[in-house]
């Protein structure tokens, strides 16, 4: 003989413990989703600014994987690392 779970009579509210558990779970899932979204939109920390002429040199050298142009702003992704030289003068 198998036992069936107790069913609550219609119109009866759930016990408070179940309701709090569901709300807590919902809030944690929403917070986790927001955190994932926020972290995925964070700026790239490996970004560098360089003169257009240096960018063209990297294109000519075949070191540019992709380019995006928005108005006068040009961004690109290098195939391999680009080292920025710092003048010590």
N, C-alpha and C. Protein backbone atom coordinates (compact mmCIF):
# COMPACT_ATOMS: atom_id res chain seq x y z
N UNK A 1 0.84 -1.17 0.00
CA UNK A 1 0.00 0.00 0.00
C UNK A 1 0.89 1.25 0.00
N UNK A 2 0.79 2.06 -0.99
CA UNK A 2 1.63 3.25 -1.09
C UNK A 2 0.92 4.44 -0.46
N UNK A 3 1.72 5.29 0.15
CA UNK A 3 1.14 6.47 0.79
C UNK A 3 1.13 7.61 -0.21
N UNK A 4 0.03 8.29 -0.26
CA UNK A 4 -0.08 9.47 -1.11
C UNK A 4 0.22 10.70 -0.26
N UNK A 5 0.87 11.70 -0.86
CA UNK A 5 1.17 12.90 -0.08
C UNK A 5 -0.13 13.57 0.36
N UNK A 6 -0.04 14.17 1.55
CA UNK A 6 -1.23 14.87 2.05
C UNK A 6 -1.52 16.07 1.18
N UNK A 7 -2.74 16.17 0.75
CA UNK A 7 -3.14 17.32 -0.05
C UNK A 7 -3.88 18.28 0.84
N UNK A 8 -3.62 19.54 0.60
CA UNK A 8 -4.24 20.57 1.38
C UNK A 8 -5.66 20.80 0.87
N UNK A 9 -6.61 21.00 1.75
CA UNK A 9 -7.97 21.28 1.30
C UNK A 9 -8.00 22.56 0.48
N UNK A 10 -8.85 22.64 -0.54
CA UNK A 10 -8.93 23.86 -1.36
C UNK A 10 -9.30 25.07 -0.51
N UNK A 11 -8.71 26.20 -0.85
CA UNK A 11 -9.01 27.43 -0.14
C UNK A 11 -8.19 27.65 1.10
N UNK A 12 -7.37 26.69 1.48
CA UNK A 12 -6.53 26.82 2.67
C UNK A 12 -5.19 27.42 2.26
N UNK A 13 -4.68 28.40 3.00
CA UNK A 13 -3.37 28.97 2.67
C UNK A 13 -2.25 27.98 2.98
N UNK A 14 -1.15 28.15 2.27
CA UNK A 14 0.02 27.30 2.52
C UNK A 14 0.63 27.66 3.87
N UNK A 15 1.29 26.73 4.47
CA UNK A 15 2.03 27.07 5.70
C UNK A 15 3.10 28.11 5.39
N UNK A 16 3.40 28.98 6.34
CA UNK A 16 4.34 30.08 6.12
C UNK A 16 5.73 29.61 5.74
N UNK A 17 6.18 28.49 6.22
CA UNK A 17 7.51 28.00 5.89
C UNK A 17 7.69 27.73 4.42
N UNK A 18 6.70 27.17 3.77
CA UNK A 18 6.79 26.89 2.33
C UNK A 18 6.83 28.18 1.53
N UNK A 19 6.01 29.14 1.90
CA UNK A 19 5.95 30.40 1.17
C UNK A 19 7.28 31.16 1.29
N UNK A 20 7.85 31.19 2.47
CA UNK A 20 9.13 31.88 2.68
C UNK A 20 10.24 31.20 1.88
N UNK A 21 10.23 29.89 1.83
CA UNK A 21 11.23 29.15 1.06
C UNK A 21 11.14 29.50 -0.43
N UNK A 22 9.93 29.56 -0.96
CA UNK A 22 9.76 29.89 -2.37
C UNK A 22 10.21 31.31 -2.68
N UNK A 23 9.88 32.27 -1.80
CA UNK A 23 10.30 33.65 -2.03
C UNK A 23 11.81 33.79 -1.92
N UNK A 24 12.40 33.10 -0.96
CA UNK A 24 13.86 33.15 -0.80
C UNK A 24 14.55 32.57 -2.03
N UNK A 25 14.04 31.45 -2.52
CA UNK A 25 14.60 30.84 -3.72
C UNK A 25 14.47 31.78 -4.92
N UNK A 26 13.32 32.41 -5.08
CA UNK A 26 13.10 33.33 -6.19
C UNK A 26 14.05 34.52 -6.13
N UNK A 27 14.24 35.07 -4.93
CA UNK A 27 15.14 36.22 -4.77
C UNK A 27 16.58 35.82 -5.06
N UNK A 28 17.00 34.66 -4.59
CA UNK A 28 18.37 34.20 -4.86
C UNK A 28 18.60 33.96 -6.34
N UNK A 29 17.64 33.38 -7.03
CA UNK A 29 17.78 33.15 -8.48
C UNK A 29 17.85 34.48 -9.21
N UNK A 30 17.00 35.44 -8.84
CA UNK A 30 17.02 36.76 -9.49
C UNK A 30 18.34 37.47 -9.24
N UNK A 31 18.86 37.39 -8.01
CA UNK A 31 20.14 38.03 -7.70
C UNK A 31 21.28 37.39 -8.48
N UNK A 32 21.26 36.08 -8.60
CA UNK A 32 22.29 35.37 -9.36
C UNK A 32 22.22 35.77 -10.85
N UNK A 33 21.02 35.84 -11.41
CA UNK A 33 20.87 36.23 -12.81
C UNK A 33 21.37 37.66 -13.03
N UNK A 34 21.06 38.57 -12.11
CA UNK A 34 21.54 39.95 -12.22
C UNK A 34 23.06 40.00 -12.16
N UNK A 35 23.65 39.23 -11.26
CA UNK A 35 25.11 39.20 -11.13
C UNK A 35 25.77 38.70 -12.41
N UNK A 36 25.23 37.64 -13.00
CA UNK A 36 25.78 37.12 -14.25
C UNK A 36 25.67 38.17 -15.35
N UNK A 37 24.51 38.84 -15.44
CA UNK A 37 24.32 39.88 -16.45
C UNK A 37 25.30 41.03 -16.23
N UNK A 38 25.45 41.48 -15.00
CA UNK A 38 26.33 42.59 -14.69
C UNK A 38 27.79 42.26 -15.02
N UNK A 39 28.23 41.07 -14.66
CA UNK A 39 29.61 40.69 -14.93
C UNK A 39 29.89 40.51 -16.42
N UNK A 40 28.89 40.09 -17.17
CA UNK A 40 29.10 39.90 -18.60
C UNK A 40 29.19 41.23 -19.33
N UNK A 41 28.68 42.30 -18.75
CA UNK A 41 28.69 43.62 -19.38
C UNK A 41 29.84 44.49 -18.90
N UNK A 42 30.69 43.99 -18.02
CA UNK A 42 31.78 44.79 -17.50
C UNK A 42 32.79 45.07 -18.62
N UNK A 43 33.42 46.24 -18.58
CA UNK A 43 34.36 46.58 -19.65
C UNK A 43 35.57 45.65 -19.65
N UNK A 44 36.14 45.51 -20.83
CA UNK A 44 37.33 44.67 -21.00
C UNK A 44 38.52 45.35 -20.34
N UNK A 45 39.17 44.69 -19.41
CA UNK A 45 40.30 45.30 -18.71
C UNK A 45 41.58 45.23 -19.53
N UNK A 46 41.57 44.52 -20.65
CA UNK A 46 42.75 44.40 -21.49
C UNK A 46 42.74 45.41 -22.63
N UNK A 47 41.82 46.36 -22.62
CA UNK A 47 41.71 47.33 -23.70
C UNK A 47 42.86 48.34 -23.63
N UNK A 48 43.36 48.72 -24.79
CA UNK A 48 44.40 49.75 -24.87
C UNK A 48 43.99 50.76 -25.92
N UNK A 49 44.45 51.98 -25.73
CA UNK A 49 44.26 53.03 -26.74
C UNK A 49 45.57 53.20 -27.48
N UNK A 50 45.48 53.32 -28.78
CA UNK A 50 46.69 53.53 -29.56
C UNK A 50 46.37 54.42 -30.75
N UNK A 51 47.39 55.10 -31.26
CA UNK A 51 47.17 55.97 -32.42
C UNK A 51 46.69 55.16 -33.62
N UNK A 52 45.94 55.84 -34.48
CA UNK A 52 45.40 55.19 -35.67
C UNK A 52 46.51 54.60 -36.53
N UNK A 53 47.63 55.29 -36.63
CA UNK A 53 48.74 54.79 -37.45
C UNK A 53 49.27 53.45 -36.90
N UNK A 54 49.32 53.32 -35.58
CA UNK A 54 49.76 52.05 -34.98
C UNK A 54 48.73 50.95 -35.25
N UNK A 55 47.45 51.31 -35.22
CA UNK A 55 46.40 50.34 -35.52
C UNK A 55 46.53 49.86 -36.97
N UNK A 56 46.79 50.80 -37.88
CA UNK A 56 46.99 50.42 -39.29
C UNK A 56 48.20 49.50 -39.45
N UNK A 57 49.26 49.76 -38.69
CA UNK A 57 50.43 48.88 -38.74
C UNK A 57 50.07 47.46 -38.30
N UNK A 58 49.22 47.35 -37.29
CA UNK A 58 48.79 46.04 -36.82
C UNK A 58 47.91 45.33 -37.86
N UNK A 59 47.11 46.10 -38.58
CA UNK A 59 46.30 45.52 -39.67
C UNK A 59 47.23 44.99 -40.76
N UNK A 60 48.21 45.82 -41.15
CA UNK A 60 49.16 45.42 -42.20
C UNK A 60 49.96 44.18 -41.78
N UNK A 61 50.24 44.06 -40.49
CA UNK A 61 51.01 42.92 -39.98
C UNK A 61 50.13 41.67 -39.84
N UNK A 62 48.82 41.81 -40.08
CA UNK A 62 47.91 40.67 -39.97
C UNK A 62 47.58 40.30 -38.54
N UNK A 63 47.69 41.26 -37.62
CA UNK A 63 47.46 40.98 -36.20
C UNK A 63 46.09 41.43 -35.72
N UNK A 64 45.18 41.78 -36.63
CA UNK A 64 43.85 42.24 -36.23
C UNK A 64 42.82 41.19 -36.62
N UNK A 65 42.08 40.69 -35.61
CA UNK A 65 41.09 39.64 -35.86
C UNK A 65 39.75 40.23 -36.29
N UNK A 66 39.35 41.36 -35.69
CA UNK A 66 38.07 41.98 -36.05
C UNK A 66 38.13 43.48 -35.81
N UNK A 67 37.27 44.21 -36.51
CA UNK A 67 37.21 45.67 -36.40
C UNK A 67 35.74 46.09 -36.33
N UNK A 68 35.45 47.05 -35.44
CA UNK A 68 34.11 47.61 -35.33
C UNK A 68 34.24 49.12 -35.41
N UNK A 69 33.45 49.76 -36.28
CA UNK A 69 33.48 51.21 -36.42
C UNK A 69 32.12 51.78 -36.04
N UNK A 70 32.14 52.78 -35.14
CA UNK A 70 30.94 53.48 -34.74
C UNK A 70 31.25 54.97 -34.77
N UNK A 71 30.82 55.62 -35.82
CA UNK A 71 31.16 57.04 -35.99
C UNK A 71 32.66 57.17 -36.17
N UNK A 72 33.30 57.96 -35.31
CA UNK A 72 34.75 58.12 -35.37
C UNK A 72 35.48 57.18 -34.43
N UNK A 73 34.76 56.34 -33.72
CA UNK A 73 35.37 55.39 -32.80
C UNK A 73 35.60 54.06 -33.51
N UNK A 74 36.83 53.59 -33.47
CA UNK A 74 37.19 52.31 -34.08
C UNK A 74 37.73 51.40 -32.99
N UNK A 75 37.15 50.22 -32.88
CA UNK A 75 37.65 49.24 -31.93
C UNK A 75 37.99 47.97 -32.69
N UNK A 76 38.93 47.25 -32.15
CA UNK A 76 39.35 46.01 -32.81
C UNK A 76 39.85 45.00 -31.81
N UNK A 77 39.97 43.78 -32.28
CA UNK A 77 40.49 42.69 -31.46
C UNK A 77 41.74 42.15 -32.14
N UNK A 78 42.81 42.08 -31.37
CA UNK A 78 44.07 41.57 -31.91
C UNK A 78 44.08 40.04 -31.88
N UNK A 79 44.78 39.46 -32.83
CA UNK A 79 44.95 38.00 -32.85
C UNK A 79 45.93 37.57 -31.76
N UNK A 80 46.99 38.34 -31.58
CA UNK A 80 47.96 38.06 -30.52
C UNK A 80 48.17 39.36 -29.73
N UNK A 81 48.81 39.25 -28.60
CA UNK A 81 48.99 40.39 -27.70
C UNK A 81 49.68 41.56 -28.39
N UNK A 82 49.25 42.76 -28.05
CA UNK A 82 49.88 43.98 -28.52
C UNK A 82 50.46 44.67 -27.29
N UNK A 83 51.76 44.91 -27.29
CA UNK A 83 52.44 45.53 -26.16
C UNK A 83 52.56 47.01 -26.43
N UNK A 84 52.06 47.80 -25.50
CA UNK A 84 52.13 49.26 -25.62
C UNK A 84 53.45 49.72 -25.05
N UNK A 85 54.20 50.48 -25.83
CA UNK A 85 55.48 50.98 -25.33
C UNK A 85 55.24 52.32 -24.64
N UNK A 86 55.90 52.50 -23.51
CA UNK A 86 55.75 53.71 -22.73
C UNK A 86 57.04 54.51 -22.86
N UNK A 87 56.92 55.76 -23.29
CA UNK A 87 58.11 56.62 -23.40
C UNK A 87 58.56 57.02 -22.01
N UNK A 88 59.87 56.90 -21.75
CA UNK A 88 60.41 57.25 -20.44
C UNK A 88 60.95 58.66 -20.38
N UNK A 89 60.67 59.46 -21.39
CA UNK A 89 61.21 60.84 -21.41
C UNK A 89 60.33 61.80 -20.69
